[in-house]
Amino acid sequence: MKPEQAWPSLLSQQLDEQNVNSRVINASISGDTTGNGLARLENLLAMHRPNYVLIELGANDGLRGFPPALIRKNLAALIEQSQTAGATVVLMQIRIPPNYGKKYNQLFTELYPSLAKQYQVALMPFFLEHVIVKPQWMMEDGLHPKPIAQPWIAQYVAKQLLPILKTRG
């Protein structure tokens, strides 16, 4: 899909409709792992000097079976670097399909609330659970939402962000 169709590109409009003056920088790259994001973060923080950083990484790590300890280490570093740069961090819960086994799935899923608690950052619920129940919104791979789902995702993310943005303004 075109970048302007993706939910991060639509998020500013959703926030504007809620009278939140914002500029959303979409620094994501499709297929990124936590390690990829971490490798780029320092430069992104210096370039954009954000007030908020939404971390939505880890799915590709999980799908590749990366060790949960490595994912945790990378996510912790992403949070720490963002906080050191003065940004308020919001961490998005990520889940992976159940076919990775109960133990791995549990370890993976528990990373996010554990890190949110440790670093006292907001934890946003995983949006895909609401999207996968609508087959017309999902690509054939069963993992990625189609362009048709992007406005709903942007609205959902904006709704989750509003209380954070208004209280930490």
N, C-alpha and C. Protein backbone atom coordinates (compact mmCIF):
# COMPACT_ATOMS: atom_id res chain seq x y z
N MET A 1 0.84 -1.18 0.00
CA MET A 1 0.00 0.00 0.00
C MET A 1 0.88 1.24 0.00
N LYS A 2 0.32 2.32 -0.43
CA LYS A 2 1.04 3.58 -0.45
C LYS A 2 1.21 4.07 0.99
N PRO A 3 2.35 4.71 1.29
CA PRO A 3 2.58 5.20 2.66
C PRO A 3 1.47 6.10 3.19
N GLU A 4 0.89 6.90 2.31
CA GLU A 4 -0.17 7.81 2.76
C GLU A 4 -1.47 7.10 3.12
N GLN A 5 -1.57 5.81 2.76
CA GLN A 5 -2.75 5.02 3.12
C GLN A 5 -2.59 4.33 4.47
N ALA A 6 -1.39 4.24 4.97
CA ALA A 6 -1.11 3.52 6.21
C ALA A 6 -1.58 4.31 7.43
N TRP A 7 -1.97 3.58 8.47
CA TRP A 7 -2.54 4.24 9.65
C TRP A 7 -1.63 5.31 10.26
N PRO A 8 -0.30 5.15 10.28
CA PRO A 8 0.49 6.24 10.86
C PRO A 8 0.33 7.55 10.10
N SER A 9 0.14 7.46 8.79
CA SER A 9 -0.07 8.67 7.99
C SER A 9 -1.44 9.28 8.24
N LEU A 10 -2.40 8.46 8.62
CA LEU A 10 -3.76 8.93 8.88
C LEU A 10 -3.95 9.40 10.33
N LEU A 11 -2.99 9.12 11.18
CA LEU A 11 -3.11 9.41 12.60
C LEU A 11 -3.20 10.91 12.89
N SER A 12 -2.41 11.71 12.23
CA SER A 12 -2.47 13.18 12.46
C SER A 12 -3.87 13.72 12.25
N GLN A 13 -4.51 13.29 11.19
CA GLN A 13 -5.86 13.74 10.88
C GLN A 13 -6.82 13.35 12.00
N GLN A 14 -6.68 12.12 12.49
CA GLN A 14 -7.54 11.66 13.59
C GLN A 14 -7.33 12.50 14.84
N LEU A 15 -6.08 12.81 15.14
CA LEU A 15 -5.78 13.62 16.33
C LEU A 15 -6.27 15.06 16.14
N ASP A 16 -6.10 15.60 14.93
CA ASP A 16 -6.60 16.94 14.64
C ASP A 16 -8.10 17.04 14.87
N GLU A 17 -8.83 15.99 14.48
CA GLU A 17 -10.28 15.97 14.68
C GLU A 17 -10.65 15.99 16.16
N GLN A 18 -9.71 15.60 17.01
CA GLN A 18 -9.93 15.63 18.46
C GLN A 18 -9.28 16.86 19.10
N ASN A 19 -8.97 17.83 18.28
CA ASN A 19 -8.36 19.10 18.73
C ASN A 19 -7.01 18.90 19.40
N VAL A 20 -6.25 17.93 18.91
CA VAL A 20 -4.89 17.71 19.38
C VAL A 20 -3.96 18.14 18.25
N ASN A 21 -3.23 19.22 18.49
CA ASN A 21 -2.29 19.71 17.50
C ASN A 21 -1.07 18.79 17.52
N SER A 22 -0.82 18.11 16.42
CA SER A 22 0.28 17.15 16.41
C SER A 22 0.90 17.05 15.02
N ARG A 23 2.10 16.54 15.04
CA ARG A 23 2.79 16.19 13.80
C ARG A 23 3.30 14.77 14.01
N VAL A 24 2.81 13.84 13.25
CA VAL A 24 3.18 12.43 13.39
C VAL A 24 4.28 12.12 12.39
N ILE A 25 5.37 11.58 12.88
CA ILE A 25 6.48 11.14 12.03
C ILE A 25 6.42 9.62 11.99
N ASN A 26 6.23 9.07 10.82
CA ASN A 26 6.20 7.63 10.67
C ASN A 26 7.62 7.16 10.32
N ALA A 27 8.33 6.66 11.31
CA ALA A 27 9.69 6.20 11.08
C ALA A 27 9.76 4.69 10.90
N SER A 28 8.61 4.08 10.71
CA SER A 28 8.60 2.62 10.57
C SER A 28 9.05 2.20 9.17
N ILE A 29 9.59 1.01 9.12
CA ILE A 29 9.95 0.38 7.85
C ILE A 29 9.37 -1.03 7.90
N SER A 30 8.61 -1.37 6.90
CA SER A 30 7.99 -2.68 6.86
C SER A 30 9.04 -3.78 7.01
N GLY A 31 8.77 -4.71 7.88
CA GLY A 31 9.69 -5.82 8.09
C GLY A 31 10.70 -5.59 9.19
N ASP A 32 10.71 -4.39 9.78
CA ASP A 32 11.67 -4.07 10.83
C ASP A 32 11.54 -4.98 12.04
N THR A 33 12.70 -5.26 12.63
CA THR A 33 12.76 -5.94 13.92
C THR A 33 13.10 -4.89 14.97
N THR A 34 13.08 -5.29 16.23
CA THR A 34 13.46 -4.36 17.29
C THR A 34 14.91 -3.92 17.10
N GLY A 35 15.75 -4.81 16.63
CA GLY A 35 17.15 -4.47 16.38
C GLY A 35 17.30 -3.44 15.27
N ASN A 36 16.50 -3.57 14.20
CA ASN A 36 16.51 -2.58 13.12
C ASN A 36 16.08 -1.21 13.65
N GLY A 37 15.01 -1.20 14.41
CA GLY A 37 14.52 0.05 14.98
C GLY A 37 15.54 0.69 15.90
N LEU A 38 16.17 -0.13 16.70
CA LEU A 38 17.17 0.37 17.64
C LEU A 38 18.37 0.98 16.89
N ALA A 39 18.75 0.36 15.80
CA ALA A 39 19.89 0.85 15.01
C ALA A 39 19.62 2.24 14.43
N ARG A 40 18.35 2.56 14.18
CA ARG A 40 17.99 3.84 13.58
C ARG A 40 17.56 4.89 14.59
N LEU A 41 17.24 4.47 15.81
CA LEU A 41 16.59 5.36 16.77
C LEU A 41 17.40 6.59 17.14
N GLU A 42 18.66 6.44 17.42
CA GLU A 42 19.46 7.59 17.86
C GLU A 42 19.40 8.74 16.86
N ASN A 43 19.57 8.42 15.59
CA ASN A 43 19.51 9.46 14.55
C ASN A 43 18.11 10.06 14.43
N LEU A 44 17.09 9.21 14.55
CA LEU A 44 15.71 9.70 14.46
C LEU A 44 15.39 10.65 15.61
N LEU A 45 15.83 10.30 16.81
CA LEU A 45 15.58 11.16 17.97
C LEU A 45 16.29 12.51 17.80
N ALA A 46 17.51 12.48 17.32
CA ALA A 46 18.27 13.72 17.11
C ALA A 46 17.63 14.58 16.01
N MET A 47 17.16 13.94 14.96
CA MET A 47 16.59 14.66 13.83
C MET A 47 15.23 15.28 14.15
N HIS A 48 14.37 14.51 14.85
CA HIS A 48 12.98 14.95 15.04
C HIS A 48 12.68 15.52 16.43
N ARG A 49 13.48 15.19 17.42
CA ARG A 49 13.28 15.65 18.80
C ARG A 49 11.81 15.51 19.23
N PRO A 50 11.28 14.29 19.22
CA PRO A 50 9.85 14.11 19.50
C PRO A 50 9.50 14.30 20.98
N ASN A 51 8.26 14.70 21.20
CA ASN A 51 7.72 14.76 22.55
C ASN A 51 7.23 13.38 22.99
N TYR A 52 6.78 12.59 22.01
CA TYR A 52 6.25 11.25 22.26
C TYR A 52 6.86 10.28 21.26
N VAL A 53 7.06 9.05 21.72
CA VAL A 53 7.51 7.99 20.84
C VAL A 53 6.59 6.79 21.06
N LEU A 54 5.94 6.35 20.00
CA LEU A 54 5.12 5.15 20.04
C LEU A 54 5.96 4.01 19.49
N ILE A 55 6.22 3.02 20.34
CA ILE A 55 7.02 1.87 19.93
C ILE A 55 6.07 0.73 19.59
N GLU A 56 6.02 0.39 18.32
CA GLU A 56 5.19 -0.71 17.83
C GLU A 56 6.12 -1.67 17.08
N LEU A 57 6.98 -2.31 17.83
CA LEU A 57 7.96 -3.24 17.25
C LEU A 57 7.94 -4.56 18.01
N GLY A 58 8.41 -5.58 17.35
CA GLY A 58 8.55 -6.88 17.98
C GLY A 58 7.85 -7.99 17.22
N ALA A 59 6.87 -7.65 16.41
CA ALA A 59 6.14 -8.70 15.68
C ALA A 59 7.07 -9.49 14.77
N ASN A 60 7.93 -8.81 14.04
CA ASN A 60 8.83 -9.52 13.13
C ASN A 60 9.87 -10.33 13.90
N ASP A 61 10.27 -9.86 15.07
CA ASP A 61 11.17 -10.65 15.93
C ASP A 61 10.48 -11.95 16.32
N GLY A 62 9.23 -11.82 16.78
CA GLY A 62 8.47 -12.99 17.21
C GLY A 62 8.22 -13.96 16.08
N LEU A 63 7.87 -13.43 14.91
CA LEU A 63 7.60 -14.29 13.76
C LEU A 63 8.85 -15.03 13.30
N ARG A 64 10.01 -14.47 13.61
CA ARG A 64 11.28 -15.12 13.26
C ARG A 64 11.80 -15.98 14.40
N GLY A 65 11.07 -16.03 15.50
CA GLY A 65 11.46 -16.87 16.63
C GLY A 65 12.67 -16.36 17.40
N PHE A 66 12.91 -15.04 17.37
CA PHE A 66 14.03 -14.48 18.13
C PHE A 66 13.83 -14.76 19.61
N PRO A 67 14.91 -14.93 20.35
CA PRO A 67 14.79 -15.19 21.79
C PRO A 67 14.11 -14.02 22.50
N PRO A 68 13.14 -14.31 23.37
CA PRO A 68 12.46 -13.24 24.11
C PRO A 68 13.43 -12.33 24.87
N ALA A 69 14.53 -12.88 25.37
CA ALA A 69 15.50 -12.04 26.10
C ALA A 69 16.10 -10.98 25.18
N LEU A 70 16.36 -11.32 23.93
CA LEU A 70 16.89 -10.35 22.97
C LEU A 70 15.86 -9.28 22.64
N ILE A 71 14.63 -9.71 22.44
CA ILE A 71 13.55 -8.76 22.14
C ILE A 71 13.38 -7.80 23.31
N ARG A 72 13.40 -8.33 24.52
CA ARG A 72 13.27 -7.51 25.73
C ARG A 72 14.41 -6.49 25.82
N LYS A 73 15.63 -6.97 25.57
CA LYS A 73 16.80 -6.09 25.64
C LYS A 73 16.67 -4.94 24.64
N ASN A 74 16.25 -5.25 23.42
CA ASN A 74 16.10 -4.22 22.39
C ASN A 74 14.97 -3.25 22.72
N LEU A 75 13.83 -3.78 23.16
CA LEU A 75 12.72 -2.90 23.53
C LEU A 75 13.10 -2.00 24.69
N ALA A 76 13.81 -2.55 25.68
CA ALA A 76 14.26 -1.75 26.82
C ALA A 76 15.18 -0.63 26.35
N ALA A 77 16.07 -0.93 25.44
CA ALA A 77 16.98 0.09 24.92
C ALA A 77 16.21 1.16 24.14
N LEU A 78 15.21 0.76 23.38
CA LEU A 78 14.38 1.73 22.66
C LEU A 78 13.68 2.67 23.63
N ILE A 79 13.15 2.11 24.70
CA ILE A 79 12.45 2.91 25.71
C ILE A 79 13.45 3.85 26.40
N GLU A 80 14.57 3.30 26.84
CA GLU A 80 15.57 4.09 27.56
C GLU A 80 16.09 5.25 26.71
N GLN A 81 16.43 4.97 25.46
CA GLN A 81 16.94 6.03 24.58
C GLN A 81 15.90 7.12 24.35
N SER A 82 14.66 6.70 24.17
CA SER A 82 13.59 7.68 23.94
C SER A 82 13.37 8.53 25.18
N GLN A 83 13.37 7.91 26.35
CA GLN A 83 13.19 8.67 27.59
C GLN A 83 14.37 9.60 27.84
N THR A 84 15.57 9.12 27.59
CA THR A 84 16.76 9.96 27.76
C THR A 84 16.69 11.19 26.86
N ALA A 85 16.09 11.03 25.69
CA ALA A 85 15.93 12.15 24.75
C ALA A 85 14.78 13.07 25.16
N GLY A 86 14.09 12.74 26.25
CA GLY A 86 13.02 13.58 26.75
C GLY A 86 11.63 13.26 26.23
N ALA A 87 11.49 12.15 25.54
CA ALA A 87 10.19 11.78 24.98
C ALA A 87 9.39 10.93 25.97
N THR A 88 8.09 11.12 25.95
CA THR A 88 7.17 10.24 26.66
C THR A 88 6.95 9.04 25.75
N VAL A 89 7.14 7.85 26.30
CA VAL A 89 7.05 6.63 25.51
C VAL A 89 5.70 5.96 25.69
N VAL A 90 5.16 5.48 24.59
CA VAL A 90 3.98 4.64 24.59
C VAL A 90 4.40 3.35 23.90
N LEU A 91 4.19 2.25 24.59
CA LEU A 91 4.55 0.93 24.06
C LEU A 91 3.29 0.22 23.62
N MET A 92 3.29 -0.30 22.41
CA MET A 92 2.12 -1.04 21.94
C MET A 92 2.32 -2.53 22.18
N GLN A 93 1.32 -3.14 22.79
CA GLN A 93 1.32 -4.59 22.98
C GLN A 93 1.33 -5.25 21.60
N ILE A 94 2.18 -6.22 21.45
CA ILE A 94 2.25 -7.00 20.21
C ILE A 94 1.98 -8.45 20.56
N ARG A 95 1.28 -9.11 19.71
CA ARG A 95 1.02 -10.55 19.87
C ARG A 95 1.41 -11.25 18.58
N ILE A 96 1.69 -12.53 18.71
CA ILE A 96 2.02 -13.34 17.54
C ILE A 96 1.03 -14.49 17.45
N PRO A 97 0.93 -15.12 16.29
CA PRO A 97 -0.02 -16.23 16.15
C PRO A 97 0.28 -17.37 17.14
N PRO A 98 -0.74 -18.10 17.53
CA PRO A 98 -0.58 -19.15 18.54
C PRO A 98 0.27 -20.35 18.10
N ASN A 99 0.53 -20.47 16.82
CA ASN A 99 1.28 -21.65 16.33
C ASN A 99 2.76 -21.63 16.72
N TYR A 100 3.20 -20.61 17.45
CA TYR A 100 4.59 -20.57 17.91
C TYR A 100 4.77 -21.31 19.23
N GLY A 101 3.71 -21.88 19.72
CA GLY A 101 3.77 -22.67 20.94
C GLY A 101 3.37 -21.85 22.16
N LYS A 102 2.79 -22.53 23.12
CA LYS A 102 2.27 -21.86 24.30
C LYS A 102 3.36 -21.14 25.10
N LYS A 103 4.49 -21.81 25.31
CA LYS A 103 5.55 -21.22 26.14
C LYS A 103 6.13 -19.97 25.48
N TYR A 104 6.51 -20.09 24.20
CA TYR A 104 7.10 -18.94 23.49
C TYR A 104 6.10 -17.79 23.42
N ASN A 105 4.86 -18.12 23.09
CA ASN A 105 3.82 -17.11 22.98
C ASN A 105 3.62 -16.38 24.30
N GLN A 106 3.61 -17.11 25.39
CA GLN A 106 3.43 -16.50 26.71
C GLN A 106 4.61 -15.60 27.06
N LEU A 107 5.84 -16.10 26.84
CA LEU A 107 7.03 -15.29 27.12
C LEU A 107 7.02 -14.00 26.28
N PHE A 108 6.67 -14.14 25.02
CA PHE A 108 6.62 -13.00 24.12
C PHE A 108 5.57 -11.99 24.57
N THR A 109 4.37 -12.45 24.80
CA THR A 109 3.27 -11.57 25.17
C THR A 109 3.54 -10.84 26.47
N GLU A 110 4.17 -11.50 27.42
CA GLU A 110 4.43 -10.90 28.74
C GLU A 110 5.53 -9.84 28.71
N LEU A 111 6.32 -9.80 27.64
CA LEU A 111 7.37 -8.78 27.54
C LEU A 111 6.82 -7.36 27.68
N TYR A 112 5.73 -7.11 27.03
CA TYR A 112 5.21 -5.75 26.89
C TYR A 112 4.66 -5.18 28.22
N PRO A 113 3.76 -5.89 28.90
CA PRO A 113 3.31 -5.33 30.18
C PRO A 113 4.43 -5.24 31.21
N SER A 114 5.36 -6.17 31.15
CA SER A 114 6.49 -6.16 32.07
C SER A 114 7.37 -4.93 31.85
N LEU A 115 7.68 -4.65 30.59
CA LEU A 115 8.49 -3.47 30.27
C LEU A 115 7.74 -2.17 30.58
N ALA A 116 6.44 -2.16 30.29
CA ALA A 116 5.65 -0.96 30.58
C ALA A 116 5.67 -0.66 32.07
N LYS A 117 5.55 -1.69 32.87
CA LYS A 117 5.59 -1.51 34.32
C LYS A 117 6.98 -1.07 34.78
N GLN A 118 8.02 -1.76 34.29
CA GLN A 118 9.39 -1.45 34.69
C GLN A 118 9.76 0.00 34.38
N TYR A 119 9.39 0.47 33.20
CA TYR A 119 9.78 1.81 32.76
C TYR A 119 8.67 2.85 32.97
N GLN A 120 7.56 2.42 33.54
CA GLN A 120 6.42 3.29 33.81
C GLN A 120 5.99 4.05 32.56
N VAL A 121 5.76 3.28 31.50
CA VAL A 121 5.27 3.84 30.25
C VAL A 121 3.87 3.29 29.97
N ALA A 122 3.10 4.03 29.21
CA ALA A 122 1.76 3.59 28.84
C ALA A 122 1.86 2.38 27.92
N LEU A 123 0.94 1.45 28.11
CA LEU A 123 0.87 0.26 27.26
C LEU A 123 -0.44 0.31 26.49
N MET A 124 -0.32 0.40 25.18
CA MET A 124 -1.48 0.45 24.31
C MET A 124 -1.88 -0.97 23.92
N PRO A 125 -3.18 -1.26 23.94
CA PRO A 125 -3.63 -2.60 23.54
C PRO A 125 -3.29 -2.88 22.07
N PHE A 126 -3.17 -4.15 21.74
CA PHE A 126 -2.87 -4.60 20.39
C PHE A 126 -4.11 -4.45 19.52
N PHE A 127 -4.01 -3.65 18.46
CA PHE A 127 -5.18 -3.36 17.63
C PHE A 127 -5.57 -4.50 16.70
N LEU A 128 -4.63 -5.34 16.33
CA LEU A 128 -4.89 -6.33 15.29
C LEU A 128 -5.97 -7.34 15.71
N GLU A 129 -6.15 -7.52 17.01
CA GLU A 129 -7.19 -8.45 17.48
C GLU A 129 -8.57 -8.03 16.99
N HIS A 130 -8.77 -6.75 16.78
CA HIS A 130 -10.05 -6.24 16.31
C HIS A 130 -10.15 -6.27 14.79
N VAL A 131 -9.02 -6.39 14.14
CA VAL A 131 -8.98 -6.33 12.68
C VAL A 131 -9.05 -7.73 12.07
N ILE A 132 -8.38 -8.69 12.68
CA ILE A 132 -8.33 -10.03 12.09
C ILE A 132 -9.68 -10.73 12.05
N VAL A 133 -10.63 -10.27 12.84
CA VAL A 133 -11.96 -10.87 12.83
C VAL A 133 -12.77 -10.43 11.61
N LYS A 134 -12.20 -9.53 10.82
CA LYS A 134 -12.86 -9.06 9.60
C LYS A 134 -11.99 -9.48 8.42
N PRO A 135 -12.25 -10.66 7.87
CA PRO A 135 -11.40 -11.17 6.78
C PRO A 135 -11.23 -10.19 5.62
N GLN A 136 -12.25 -9.37 5.35
CA GLN A 136 -12.16 -8.40 4.25
C GLN A 136 -11.12 -7.32 4.54
N TRP A 137 -10.69 -7.19 5.79
CA TRP A 137 -9.69 -6.20 6.18
C TRP A 137 -8.27 -6.76 6.15
N MET A 138 -8.13 -8.07 6.00
CA MET A 138 -6.81 -8.70 6.10
C MET A 138 -6.29 -9.18 4.75
N MET A 139 -4.97 -9.03 4.58
CA MET A 139 -4.33 -9.55 3.37
C MET A 139 -4.32 -11.07 3.43
N GLU A 140 -4.00 -11.68 2.32
CA GLU A 140 -4.01 -13.14 2.21
C GLU A 140 -3.07 -13.81 3.20
N ASP A 141 -2.01 -13.12 3.64
CA ASP A 141 -1.06 -13.73 4.57
C ASP A 141 -1.64 -13.87 5.98
N GLY A 142 -2.78 -13.24 6.24
CA GLY A 142 -3.41 -13.32 7.54
C GLY A 142 -2.69 -12.53 8.63
N LEU A 143 -1.66 -11.77 8.26
CA LEU A 143 -0.87 -11.02 9.24
C LEU A 143 -0.97 -9.51 9.06
N HIS A 144 -1.23 -9.07 7.85
CA HIS A 144 -1.18 -7.63 7.55
C HIS A 144 -2.55 -7.10 7.14
N PRO A 145 -2.95 -5.98 7.72
CA PRO A 145 -4.22 -5.36 7.33
C PRO A 145 -4.13 -4.71 5.95
N LYS A 146 -5.23 -4.75 5.24
CA LYS A 146 -5.34 -4.10 3.93
C LYS A 146 -5.53 -2.59 4.11
N PRO A 147 -5.39 -1.84 3.01
CA PRO A 147 -5.64 -0.39 3.08
C PRO A 147 -7.02 -0.05 3.64
N ILE A 148 -8.01 -0.86 3.37
CA ILE A 148 -9.38 -0.58 3.85
C ILE A 148 -9.46 -0.52 5.38
N ALA A 149 -8.56 -1.22 6.07
CA ALA A 149 -8.57 -1.26 7.54
C ALA A 149 -7.82 -0.08 8.16
N GLN A 150 -7.01 0.59 7.39
CA GLN A 150 -6.12 1.62 7.94
C GLN A 150 -6.84 2.79 8.62
N PRO A 151 -7.93 3.31 8.07
CA PRO A 151 -8.63 4.39 8.78
C PRO A 151 -9.14 3.96 10.15
N TRP A 152 -9.67 2.74 10.25
CA TRP A 152 -10.14 2.25 11.54
C TRP A 152 -8.98 2.14 12.53
N ILE A 153 -7.84 1.63 12.06
CA ILE A 153 -6.66 1.49 12.93
C ILE A 153 -6.20 2.86 13.42
N ALA A 154 -6.15 3.84 12.52
CA ALA A 154 -5.74 5.19 12.91
C ALA A 154 -6.69 5.75 13.96
N GLN A 155 -7.97 5.52 13.78
CA GLN A 155 -8.97 6.00 14.75
C GLN A 155 -8.77 5.29 16.09
N TYR A 156 -8.53 4.00 16.06
CA TYR A 156 -8.31 3.23 17.29
C TYR A 156 -7.07 3.72 18.03
N VAL A 157 -5.98 3.90 17.30
CA VAL A 157 -4.73 4.36 17.93
C VAL A 157 -4.92 5.77 18.49
N ALA A 158 -5.59 6.64 17.77
CA ALA A 158 -5.84 8.00 18.26
C ALA A 158 -6.64 7.95 19.55
N LYS A 159 -7.65 7.10 19.59
CA LYS A 159 -8.48 6.97 20.80
C LYS A 159 -7.64 6.52 21.99
N GLN A 160 -6.69 5.62 21.75
CA GLN A 160 -5.82 5.15 22.83
C GLN A 160 -4.83 6.22 23.26
N LEU A 161 -4.37 7.03 22.31
CA LEU A 161 -3.38 8.06 22.60
C LEU A 161 -3.96 9.30 23.27
N LEU A 162 -5.22 9.61 22.99
CA LEU A 162 -5.82 10.85 23.50
C LEU A 162 -5.63 11.06 25.00
N PRO A 163 -5.94 10.09 25.85
CA PRO A 163 -5.77 10.34 27.29
C PRO A 163 -4.30 10.60 27.66
N ILE A 164 -3.40 9.98 26.96
CA ILE A 164 -1.96 10.16 27.24
C ILE A 164 -1.52 11.56 26.82
N LEU A 165 -1.94 11.96 25.64
CA LEU A 165 -1.56 13.27 25.12
C LEU A 165 -2.17 14.40 25.94
N LYS A 166 -3.38 14.20 26.42
CA LYS A 166 -4.05 15.26 27.18
C LYS A 166 -3.56 15.37 28.61
N THR A 167 -3.10 14.25 29.20
CA THR A 167 -2.62 14.31 30.58
C THR A 167 -1.14 14.69 30.66
N ARG A 168 -0.42 14.40 29.61
CA ARG A 168 1.03 14.67 29.65
C ARG A 168 1.39 15.83 28.74
N GLY A 169 0.35 16.38 28.07
CA GLY A 169 0.43 17.49 27.16
C GLY A 169 1.71 18.10 26.92
